[in-house]
Amino acid sequence: MVDEATVDAYTEDEQLTGLFTMIEENLAVPFNATVLGVEMTVRRVDLGQDGRIVALCSRGPDRQSIGILDLPMPTPAPGGAEWIEAYRYWAG
């Protein structure tokens, strides 16, 4: 899957963008996830300022970005979650 996402990428930034694109296009959002005992709704994914892929989450009026690799996946995982695992593999 990593090879599919990074086929035309030469730099690390291009590879990250390729993986982000695959997650963004394939991850079935919204879905609920529990973070530190609090249920949140994952609305979408984005590239963070720090160069990580982040999940944009909400709970009522509150909003928070959480690194997608730090986000516990619900069971069953949403469609497209395998791309998060590909990103995890790539990130090492």
C-alpha atoms as a PDB file:
ATOM      1  CA  MET A   1       0.000   0.000   0.000  1.00  0.00           C
ATOM      2  CA  VAL A   2       2.878   2.360   0.790  1.00  0.00           C
ATOM      3  CA  ASP A   3       4.270   1.764  -2.691  1.00  0.00           C
ATOM      4  CA  GLU A   4       0.879   2.584  -4.206  1.00  0.00           C
ATOM      5  CA  ALA A   5       0.645   5.860  -2.253  1.00  0.00           C
ATOM      6  CA  THR A   6       4.217   6.935  -2.965  1.00  0.00           C
ATOM      7  CA  VAL A   7       4.679   5.706  -6.543  1.00  0.00           C
ATOM      8  CA  ASP A   8       5.562   9.147  -7.971  1.00  0.00           C
ATOM      9  CA  ALA A   9       7.018  10.622  -4.777  1.00  0.00           C
ATOM     10  CA  TYR A  10      10.710  11.382  -4.550  1.00  0.00           C
ATOM     11  CA  THR A  11      11.055  13.274  -1.292  1.00  0.00           C
ATOM     12  CA  GLU A  12       9.760  12.480   2.179  1.00  0.00           C
ATOM     13  CA  ASP A  13       7.308  15.402   1.929  1.00  0.00           C
ATOM     14  CA  GLU A  14       5.926  14.042  -1.340  1.00  0.00           C
ATOM     15  CA  GLN A  15       5.584  10.587   0.210  1.00  0.00           C
ATOM     16  CA  LEU A  16       3.725  12.065   3.189  1.00  0.00           C
ATOM     17  CA  THR A  17       1.402  13.924   0.819  1.00  0.00           C
ATOM     18  CA  GLY A  18       0.742  10.707  -1.098  1.00  0.00           C
ATOM     19  CA  LEU A  19      -0.160   8.838   2.083  1.00  0.00           C
ATOM     20  CA  PHE A  20      -2.307  11.729   3.300  1.00  0.00           C
ATOM     21  CA  THR A  21      -4.183  11.754  -0.003  1.00  0.00           C
ATOM     22  CA  MET A  22      -4.922   8.033   0.241  1.00  0.00           C
ATOM     23  CA  ILE A  23      -6.156   8.392   3.833  1.00  0.00           C
ATOM     24  CA  GLU A  24      -8.245  11.447   2.980  1.00  0.00           C
ATOM     25  CA  GLU A  25      -9.830   9.739  -0.041  1.00  0.00           C
ATOM     26  CA  ASN A  26     -10.457   6.350   1.592  1.00  0.00           C
ATOM     27  CA  LEU A  27     -11.128   6.855   5.308  1.00  0.00           C
ATOM     28  CA  ALA A  28     -14.873   6.703   5.998  1.00  0.00           C
ATOM     29  CA  VAL A  29     -15.609   9.789   8.091  1.00  0.00           C
ATOM     30  CA  PRO A  30     -17.261  10.768  10.304  1.00  0.00           C
ATOM     31  CA  PHE A  31     -16.765   8.049  12.906  1.00  0.00           C
ATOM     32  CA  ASN A  32     -16.587   7.989  16.696  1.00  0.00           C
ATOM     33  CA  ALA A  33     -13.430   7.221  18.641  1.00  0.00           C
ATOM     34  CA  THR A  34     -12.659   7.267  22.343  1.00  0.00           C
ATOM     35  CA  VAL A  35      -9.619   9.305  23.375  1.00  0.00           C
ATOM     36  CA  LEU A  36      -8.572   9.230  27.050  1.00  0.00           C
ATOM     37  CA  GLY A  37     -12.045   8.008  27.989  1.00  0.00           C
ATOM     38  CA  VAL A  38     -13.854  10.747  26.051  1.00  0.00           C
ATOM     39  CA  GLU A  39     -15.897   9.905  22.965  1.00  0.00           C
ATOM     40  CA  MET A  40     -15.206  12.220  20.048  1.00  0.00           C
ATOM     41  CA  THR A  41     -16.281  12.368  16.427  1.00  0.00           C
ATOM     42  CA  VAL A  42     -13.546  12.275  13.825  1.00  0.00           C
ATOM     43  CA  ARG A  43     -14.783  14.695  11.155  1.00  0.00           C
ATOM     44  CA  ARG A  44     -11.885  14.638   8.681  1.00  0.00           C
ATOM     45  CA  VAL A  45      -8.111  14.390   8.335  1.00  0.00           C
ATOM     46  CA  ASP A  46      -5.617  17.101   7.514  1.00  0.00           C
ATOM     47  CA  LEU A  47      -1.878  17.771   7.331  1.00  0.00           C
ATOM     48  CA  GLY A  48      -0.747  19.398  10.548  1.00  0.00           C
ATOM     49  CA  GLN A  49       1.664  22.309  10.774  1.00  0.00           C
ATOM     50  CA  ASP A  50       4.216  19.922  12.274  1.00  0.00           C
ATOM     51  CA  GLY A  51       4.230  17.609   9.239  1.00  0.00           C
ATOM     52  CA  ARG A  52       1.976  14.915  10.691  1.00  0.00           C
ATOM     53  CA  ILE A  53      -1.356  13.652   9.458  1.00  0.00           C
ATOM     54  CA  VAL A  54      -3.966  14.642  12.036  1.00  0.00           C
ATOM     55  CA  ALA A  55      -7.570  13.735  12.742  1.00  0.00           C
ATOM     56  CA  LEU A  56      -9.837  16.739  13.231  1.00  0.00           C
ATOM     57  CA  CYS A  57     -12.146  15.739  16.066  1.00  0.00           C
ATOM     58  CA  SER A  58     -15.098  17.345  17.784  1.00  0.00           C
ATOM     59  CA  ARG A  59     -17.245  16.853  20.854  1.00  0.00           C
ATOM     60  CA  GLY A  60     -20.084  19.310  21.063  1.00  0.00           C
ATOM     61  CA  PRO A  61     -18.602  22.771  20.508  1.00  0.00           C
ATOM     62  CA  ASP A  62     -15.048  21.615  21.297  1.00  0.00           C
ATOM     63  CA  ARG A  63     -12.555  20.912  18.488  1.00  0.00           C
ATOM     64  CA  GLN A  64      -9.180  19.206  18.668  1.00  0.00           C
ATOM     65  CA  SER A  65      -6.511  17.889  16.311  1.00  0.00           C
ATOM     66  CA  ILE A  66      -5.023  14.531  17.240  1.00  0.00           C
ATOM     67  CA  GLY A  67      -2.148  12.844  15.434  1.00  0.00           C
ATOM     68  CA  ILE A  68      -3.742  10.055  13.402  1.00  0.00           C
ATOM     69  CA  LEU A  69      -1.137   7.606  14.728  1.00  0.00           C
ATOM     70  CA  ASP A  70      -2.175   8.495  18.312  1.00  0.00           C
ATOM     71  CA  LEU A  71      -5.882   8.031  17.617  1.00  0.00           C
ATOM     72  CA  PRO A  72      -7.299   4.761  18.989  1.00  0.00           C
ATOM     73  CA  MET A  73      -9.378   3.118  16.271  1.00  0.00           C
ATOM     74  CA  PRO A  74     -12.841   1.923  17.208  1.00  0.00           C
ATOM     75  CA  THR A  75     -13.880  -1.702  16.760  1.00  0.00           C
ATOM     76  CA  PRO A  76     -14.811  -2.309  14.079  1.00  0.00           C
ATOM     77  CA  ALA A  77     -12.468   0.149  12.400  1.00  0.00           C
ATOM     78  CA  PRO A  78     -13.966   2.467   9.791  1.00  0.00           C
ATOM     79  CA  GLY A  79     -13.497   1.706   6.122  1.00  0.00           C
ATOM     80  CA  GLY A  80     -10.140   2.857   4.842  1.00  0.00           C
ATOM     81  CA  ALA A  81      -8.384   2.454   8.226  1.00  0.00           C
ATOM     82  CA  GLU A  82      -5.867   0.189   6.517  1.00  0.00           C
ATOM     83  CA  TRP A  83      -4.336   3.355   5.018  1.00  0.00           C
ATOM     84  CA  ILE A  84      -3.603   4.581   8.545  1.00  0.00           C
ATOM     85  CA  GLU A  85      -1.743   1.325   9.142  1.00  0.00           C
ATOM     86  CA  ALA A  86       0.207   1.888   5.910  1.00  0.00           C
ATOM     87  CA  TYR A  87       1.124   5.377   7.174  1.00  0.00           C
ATOM     88  CA  ARG A  88       2.156   3.856  10.527  1.00  0.00           C
ATOM     89  CA  TYR A  89       4.401   1.388   8.692  1.00  0.00           C
ATOM     90  CA  TRP A  90       5.931   4.178   6.576  1.00  0.00           C
ATOM     91  CA  ALA A  91       6.472   6.423   9.627  1.00  0.00           C
ATOM     92  CA  GLY A  92       8.336   3.586  11.332  1.00  0.00           C
END
